[in-house]
Amino acid sequence: YYASTMTFVGIQSQQAQRNEENNELLVSQLETFRESYSGVSLDEEMVNLIQFQRAYEASARYISTVDRVMQTLINM
């Protein structure tokens, strides 16, 4: 009885270890998939940031110019 119980416990232990290894592999694969699907390119984000910054600067210059023109017209 003791030997069969120990064999059963040993088999269950091995199965638990294999299940743990399989689950770790699955989690790793899912994380890799998620990162590849939803990951962002830092280079692309930097290019977008620079473009938005330049667009903002151009808009600010335009508004300043319109403001000066309006002030000039008002002061005439």
N, C-alpha and C. Protein backbone atom coordinates (compact mmCIF):
# COMPACT_ATOMS: atom_id res chain seq x y z
N TYR A 1 0.82 -1.19 0.00
CA TYR A 1 0.00 0.00 0.00
C TYR A 1 0.86 1.26 0.00
N TYR A 2 1.90 1.26 0.85
CA TYR A 2 2.80 2.41 0.95
C TYR A 2 3.47 2.69 -0.38
N ALA A 3 3.95 1.65 -1.05
CA ALA A 3 4.65 1.82 -2.32
C ALA A 3 3.72 2.39 -3.39
N SER A 4 2.50 1.90 -3.44
CA SER A 4 1.57 2.41 -4.46
C SER A 4 1.18 3.86 -4.16
N THR A 5 1.07 4.20 -2.90
CA THR A 5 0.76 5.58 -2.53
C THR A 5 1.90 6.51 -2.91
N MET A 6 3.13 6.08 -2.64
CA MET A 6 4.30 6.88 -2.99
C MET A 6 4.43 7.03 -4.50
N THR A 7 4.13 5.96 -5.23
CA THR A 7 4.17 6.03 -6.69
C THR A 7 3.13 7.03 -7.19
N PHE A 8 1.94 6.95 -6.62
CA PHE A 8 0.87 7.87 -7.02
C PHE A 8 1.27 9.32 -6.73
N VAL A 9 1.84 9.57 -5.56
CA VAL A 9 2.27 10.93 -5.19
C VAL A 9 3.38 11.39 -6.12
N GLY A 10 4.30 10.50 -6.45
CA GLY A 10 5.39 10.85 -7.37
C GLY A 10 4.87 11.22 -8.75
N ILE A 11 3.93 10.43 -9.25
CA ILE A 11 3.35 10.71 -10.57
C ILE A 11 2.60 12.04 -10.55
N GLN A 12 1.83 12.27 -9.49
CA GLN A 12 1.10 13.53 -9.38
C GLN A 12 2.06 14.73 -9.31
N SER A 13 3.17 14.54 -8.60
CA SER A 13 4.17 15.60 -8.50
C SER A 13 4.78 15.92 -9.86
N GLN A 14 5.11 14.88 -10.62
CA GLN A 14 5.67 15.09 -11.96
C GLN A 14 4.67 15.79 -12.87
N GLN A 15 3.41 15.38 -12.79
CA GLN A 15 2.39 16.02 -13.62
C GLN A 15 2.21 17.50 -13.24
N ALA A 16 2.28 17.77 -11.95
CA ALA A 16 2.15 19.15 -11.49
C ALA A 16 3.32 20.00 -12.00
N GLN A 17 4.52 19.42 -11.96
CA GLN A 17 5.69 20.14 -12.47
C GLN A 17 5.57 20.40 -13.97
N ARG A 18 5.13 19.40 -14.72
CA ARG A 18 4.94 19.58 -16.17
C ARG A 18 3.86 20.62 -16.46
N ASN A 19 2.79 20.57 -15.68
CA ASN A 19 1.72 21.57 -15.86
C ASN A 19 2.24 22.98 -15.59
N GLU A 20 3.05 23.11 -14.55
CA GLU A 20 3.62 24.42 -14.23
C GLU A 20 4.51 24.91 -15.36
N GLU A 21 5.37 24.05 -15.89
CA GLU A 21 6.25 24.42 -16.99
C GLU A 21 5.44 24.81 -18.23
N ASN A 22 4.40 24.03 -18.52
CA ASN A 22 3.55 24.34 -19.67
C ASN A 22 2.83 25.67 -19.49
N ASN A 23 2.34 25.92 -18.28
CA ASN A 23 1.65 27.18 -18.01
C ASN A 23 2.61 28.37 -18.13
N GLU A 24 3.83 28.21 -17.64
CA GLU A 24 4.82 29.28 -17.75
C GLU A 24 5.14 29.57 -19.22
N LEU A 25 5.26 28.52 -20.01
CA LEU A 25 5.52 28.69 -21.44
C LEU A 25 4.34 29.37 -22.12
N LEU A 26 3.15 28.97 -21.77
CA LEU A 26 1.95 29.58 -22.36
C LEU A 26 1.86 31.06 -22.00
N VAL A 27 2.12 31.39 -20.75
CA VAL A 27 2.08 32.79 -20.32
C VAL A 27 3.13 33.60 -21.08
N SER A 28 4.31 33.04 -21.22
CA SER A 28 5.38 33.72 -21.96
C SER A 28 4.98 33.97 -23.41
N GLN A 29 4.40 32.97 -24.04
CA GLN A 29 3.96 33.13 -25.43
C GLN A 29 2.84 34.17 -25.55
N LEU A 30 1.92 34.16 -24.62
CA LEU A 30 0.83 35.14 -24.64
C LEU A 30 1.35 36.56 -24.43
N GLU A 31 2.31 36.72 -23.52
CA GLU A 31 2.90 38.04 -23.30
C GLU A 31 3.62 38.53 -24.55
N THR A 32 4.35 37.63 -25.21
CA THR A 32 5.04 38.00 -26.44
C THR A 32 4.04 38.40 -27.51
N PHE A 33 2.96 37.65 -27.64
CA PHE A 33 1.92 37.97 -28.62
C PHE A 33 1.29 39.32 -28.31
N ARG A 34 0.98 39.56 -27.05
CA ARG A 34 0.36 40.83 -26.65
C ARG A 34 1.28 42.00 -26.95
N GLU A 35 2.56 41.86 -26.64
CA GLU A 35 3.51 42.94 -26.90
C GLU A 35 3.66 43.20 -28.39
N SER A 36 3.67 42.14 -29.19
CA SER A 36 3.82 42.34 -30.64
C SER A 36 2.56 42.94 -31.23
N TYR A 37 1.41 42.65 -30.65
CA TYR A 37 0.15 43.17 -31.17
C TYR A 37 -0.10 44.61 -30.73
N SER A 38 0.18 44.90 -29.47
CA SER A 38 -0.15 46.22 -28.94
C SER A 38 1.06 47.09 -28.67
N GLY A 39 2.24 46.60 -28.96
CA GLY A 39 3.44 47.38 -28.71
C GLY A 39 3.52 48.61 -29.59
N VAL A 40 4.22 49.62 -29.11
CA VAL A 40 4.40 50.84 -29.88
C VAL A 40 5.87 51.00 -30.22
N SER A 41 6.10 51.62 -31.35
CA SER A 41 7.46 51.91 -31.77
C SER A 41 7.86 53.26 -31.19
N LEU A 42 8.92 53.28 -30.41
CA LEU A 42 9.37 54.53 -29.81
C LEU A 42 9.84 55.50 -30.88
N ASP A 43 10.46 54.99 -31.94
CA ASP A 43 10.90 55.86 -33.03
C ASP A 43 9.71 56.53 -33.69
N GLU A 44 8.67 55.75 -33.95
CA GLU A 44 7.47 56.29 -34.58
C GLU A 44 6.80 57.32 -33.68
N GLU A 45 6.75 57.04 -32.39
CA GLU A 45 6.15 57.98 -31.45
C GLU A 45 6.96 59.27 -31.38
N MET A 46 8.29 59.17 -31.45
CA MET A 46 9.14 60.36 -31.41
C MET A 46 8.92 61.21 -32.67
N VAL A 47 8.81 60.57 -33.83
CA VAL A 47 8.55 61.30 -35.07
C VAL A 47 7.21 62.03 -34.97
N ASN A 48 6.19 61.34 -34.46
CA ASN A 48 4.88 61.98 -34.30
C ASN A 48 4.95 63.15 -33.33
N LEU A 49 5.69 62.99 -32.25
CA LEU A 49 5.82 64.06 -31.26
C LEU A 49 6.47 65.29 -31.88
N ILE A 50 7.52 65.10 -32.66
CA ILE A 50 8.20 66.22 -33.32
C ILE A 50 7.26 66.90 -34.31
N GLN A 51 6.50 66.11 -35.07
CA GLN A 51 5.55 66.69 -36.03
C GLN A 51 4.48 67.51 -35.31
N PHE A 52 3.95 67.00 -34.22
CA PHE A 52 2.93 67.73 -33.47
C PHE A 52 3.51 69.01 -32.87
N GLN A 53 4.76 68.93 -32.39
CA GLN A 53 5.40 70.10 -31.81
C GLN A 53 5.58 71.18 -32.88
N ARG A 54 6.03 70.81 -34.05
CA ARG A 54 6.22 71.78 -35.14
C ARG A 54 4.89 72.36 -35.59
N ALA A 55 3.86 71.54 -35.64
CA ALA A 55 2.53 72.05 -36.00
C ALA A 55 2.04 73.05 -34.96
N TYR A 56 2.29 72.77 -33.70
CA TYR A 56 1.90 73.69 -32.63
C TYR A 56 2.65 75.01 -32.76
N GLU A 57 3.97 74.93 -33.02
CA GLU A 57 4.77 76.14 -33.18
C GLU A 57 4.26 76.97 -34.36
N ALA A 58 3.93 76.31 -35.47
CA ALA A 58 3.42 77.03 -36.64
C ALA A 58 2.09 77.69 -36.32
N SER A 59 1.23 77.00 -35.60
CA SER A 59 -0.06 77.57 -35.22
C SER A 59 0.13 78.77 -34.29
N ALA A 60 1.06 78.66 -33.38
CA ALA A 60 1.33 79.77 -32.46
C ALA A 60 1.84 80.99 -33.22
N ARG A 61 2.72 80.79 -34.20
CA ARG A 61 3.22 81.91 -35.01
C ARG A 61 2.07 82.54 -35.81
N TYR A 62 1.21 81.72 -36.36
CA TYR A 62 0.07 82.22 -37.13
C TYR A 62 -0.84 83.08 -36.25
N ILE A 63 -1.14 82.58 -35.07
CA ILE A 63 -2.00 83.33 -34.15
C ILE A 63 -1.34 84.63 -33.74
N SER A 64 -0.04 84.63 -33.50
CA SER A 64 0.68 85.86 -33.16
C SER A 64 0.60 86.86 -34.30
N THR A 65 0.77 86.38 -35.52
CA THR A 65 0.70 87.27 -36.68
C THR A 65 -0.69 87.86 -36.82
N VAL A 66 -1.72 87.04 -36.69
CA VAL A 66 -3.09 87.54 -36.77
C VAL A 66 -3.35 88.55 -35.66
N ASP A 67 -2.84 88.29 -34.48
CA ASP A 67 -3.02 89.21 -33.36
C ASP A 67 -2.36 90.56 -33.65
N ARG A 68 -1.15 90.55 -34.21
CA ARG A 68 -0.46 91.81 -34.54
C ARG A 68 -1.22 92.57 -35.63
N VAL A 69 -1.72 91.85 -36.63
CA VAL A 69 -2.48 92.49 -37.70
C VAL A 69 -3.74 93.13 -37.12
N MET A 70 -4.42 92.43 -36.24
CA MET A 70 -5.63 92.97 -35.63
C MET A 70 -5.31 94.20 -34.78
N GLN A 71 -4.22 94.15 -34.03
CA GLN A 71 -3.82 95.30 -33.22
C GLN A 71 -3.49 96.50 -34.11
N THR A 72 -2.82 96.23 -35.23
CA THR A 72 -2.49 97.31 -36.16
C THR A 72 -3.76 97.92 -36.74
N LEU A 73 -4.71 97.08 -37.13
CA LEU A 73 -5.97 97.57 -37.68
C LEU A 73 -6.76 98.36 -36.65
N ILE A 74 -6.76 97.91 -35.44
CA ILE A 74 -7.51 98.59 -34.38
C ILE A 74 -6.89 99.96 -34.09
N ASN A 75 -5.58 100.05 -34.14
CA ASN A 75 -4.87 101.29 -33.82
C ASN A 75 -4.90 102.30 -34.96
N MET A 76 -5.39 101.96 -36.13
CA MET A 76 -5.41 102.90 -37.26
C MET A 76 -6.39 103.99 -37.04
